[in-house]
Each structure stands twice: as C-alpha cells, then as structure tokens.
Amino acid sequence: MDRTAERRIAAARRRAAIAKLVLGGIGAFAFLASAAFARVAYPGHHKQPVKALSPPKSFVSIVRRNQLEAGILAPTEGDPSVVTAQT
C-alpha cells in the first residue's frame, strides 16, 4: 500500500469513530429525554406532596358543636320498654 491509501484508511477510521461517538451520544440523550418525559407525564406519579383531604380541625369542631346544639348528632335514646338483657 502506498501512503495515500493509508491516509485515506486512517481518515475513514477516524470518521467512523467520531460517527460512533455521535450516534451513541444521540442515543443516550434520546433515552434520558424519553425517561424524563415519561416521568413527568405518568398520571400516577405524584408531582407534588400529598395533601390531606380532611377539613381543618377547627371547622370540624364548629360543625360538631352546631349539630350537637341542634340535636342532629345527639345520641339516640332507647325506648324504656325495650329490654336488652334477661335477668
């Protein structure tokens, strides 16, 4: 082989190595980008901390007090004629 053929082969190998690196980088970037998009778009993923769905304690105590005053939450009174135990 002469010098020009060796130079052409060396240049082709260099271009092939650069192409492999570029394709590998593009593949890695595409994988990481798709993983990030999947993580953001997944409907079951908690994007924010979970908040309690219960109302504030002050609100609950006010409602209970008001309903107890109105007699809505008062304990039921049993009929005096009903006997629950045999003696």
Protein backbone atom coordinates (compact mmCIF):
# COMPACT_ATOMS: atom_id res chain seq x y z
CA MET A 1 0.00 0.00 0.00
CA ASP A 2 1.09 3.48 -0.69
CA ARG A 3 0.94 6.49 1.62
CA THR A 4 -2.28 7.98 0.19
CA ALA A 5 -4.23 4.75 0.74
CA GLU A 6 -3.00 4.55 4.35
CA ARG A 7 -4.02 8.16 4.94
CA ARG A 8 -7.46 7.55 3.43
CA ILE A 9 -7.97 4.47 5.62
CA ALA A 10 -6.85 6.34 8.73
CA ALA A 11 -9.19 9.22 7.90
CA ALA A 12 -12.09 6.81 7.32
CA ARG A 13 -11.43 5.08 10.65
CA ARG A 14 -11.32 8.46 12.39
CA ARG A 15 -14.65 9.48 10.78
CA ALA A 16 -16.18 6.13 11.76
CA ALA A 17 -15.04 6.54 15.38
CA ILE A 18 -16.49 10.07 15.51
CA ALA A 19 -19.75 8.84 13.97
CA LYS A 20 -19.98 6.06 16.58
CA LEU A 21 -19.47 8.57 19.39
CA VAL A 22 -22.07 10.96 17.94
CA LEU A 23 -24.65 8.19 17.44
CA GLY A 24 -24.01 6.85 20.95
CA GLY A 25 -24.44 10.33 22.42
CA ILE A 26 -27.65 10.91 20.49
CA GLY A 27 -28.99 7.54 21.65
CA ALA A 28 -28.11 8.23 25.29
CA PHE A 29 -29.69 11.70 25.10
CA ALA A 30 -32.85 10.30 23.49
CA PHE A 31 -33.11 7.63 26.19
CA LEU A 32 -32.68 10.11 29.04
CA ALA A 33 -35.08 12.61 27.47
CA SER A 34 -37.78 9.98 26.95
CA ALA A 35 -37.32 8.75 30.56
CA ALA A 36 -37.70 12.32 31.82
CA PHE A 37 -40.81 12.92 29.71
CA ALA A 38 -42.31 9.62 30.88
CA ARG A 39 -41.68 10.54 34.50
CA VAL A 40 -43.35 13.93 34.11
CA ALA A 41 -46.31 12.67 32.07
CA TYR A 42 -47.08 9.48 34.04
CA PRO A 43 -50.57 10.01 35.50
CA GLY A 44 -49.93 8.05 38.70
CA HIS A 45 -46.79 9.91 39.58
CA HIS A 46 -47.06 12.35 42.49
CA LYS A 47 -45.73 15.61 41.21
CA GLN A 48 -46.40 17.39 44.49
CA PRO A 49 -46.58 16.24 48.10
CA VAL A 50 -49.84 14.61 49.07
CA LYS A 51 -52.24 16.86 50.96
CA ALA A 52 -54.81 15.57 53.42
CA LEU A 53 -58.37 15.68 52.15
CA SER A 54 -59.83 16.12 55.62
CA PRO A 55 -61.15 19.54 56.66
CA PRO A 56 -59.32 21.61 59.29
CA LYS A 57 -59.88 20.56 62.91
CA SER A 58 -61.34 23.95 63.85
CA PHE A 59 -64.00 23.60 61.14
CA VAL A 60 -64.89 20.07 62.29
CA SER A 61 -65.23 21.13 65.91
CA ILE A 62 -67.51 24.07 64.98
CA VAL A 63 -69.74 21.85 62.84
CA ARG A 64 -69.98 19.20 65.56
CA ARG A 65 -70.80 21.80 68.19
CA ASN A 66 -73.50 23.32 65.99
CA GLN A 67 -75.02 19.95 65.14
CA LEU A 68 -74.96 18.83 68.77
CA GLU A 69 -76.73 22.06 69.76
CA ALA A 70 -79.34 21.43 67.08
CA GLY A 71 -79.85 17.86 68.26
CA ILE A 72 -78.74 16.31 64.98
CA LEU A 73 -75.76 14.40 66.39
CA ALA A 74 -77.21 13.74 69.83
CA PRO A 75 -77.08 10.12 70.92
CA THR A 76 -80.26 8.21 70.35
CA GLU A 77 -82.36 7.45 73.34
CA GLY A 78 -83.69 3.91 73.60
CA ASP A 79 -87.30 3.13 74.31
CA PRO A 80 -87.63 2.38 78.04
CA SER A 81 -89.81 -0.62 77.27
CA VAL A 82 -87.03 -2.35 75.35
CA VAL A 83 -85.06 -4.78 77.48
CA THR A 84 -81.56 -5.70 76.29
CA ALA A 85 -80.67 -8.32 78.84
CA GLN A 86 -82.52 -11.05 80.72
CA THR A 87 -82.06 -11.05 84.48
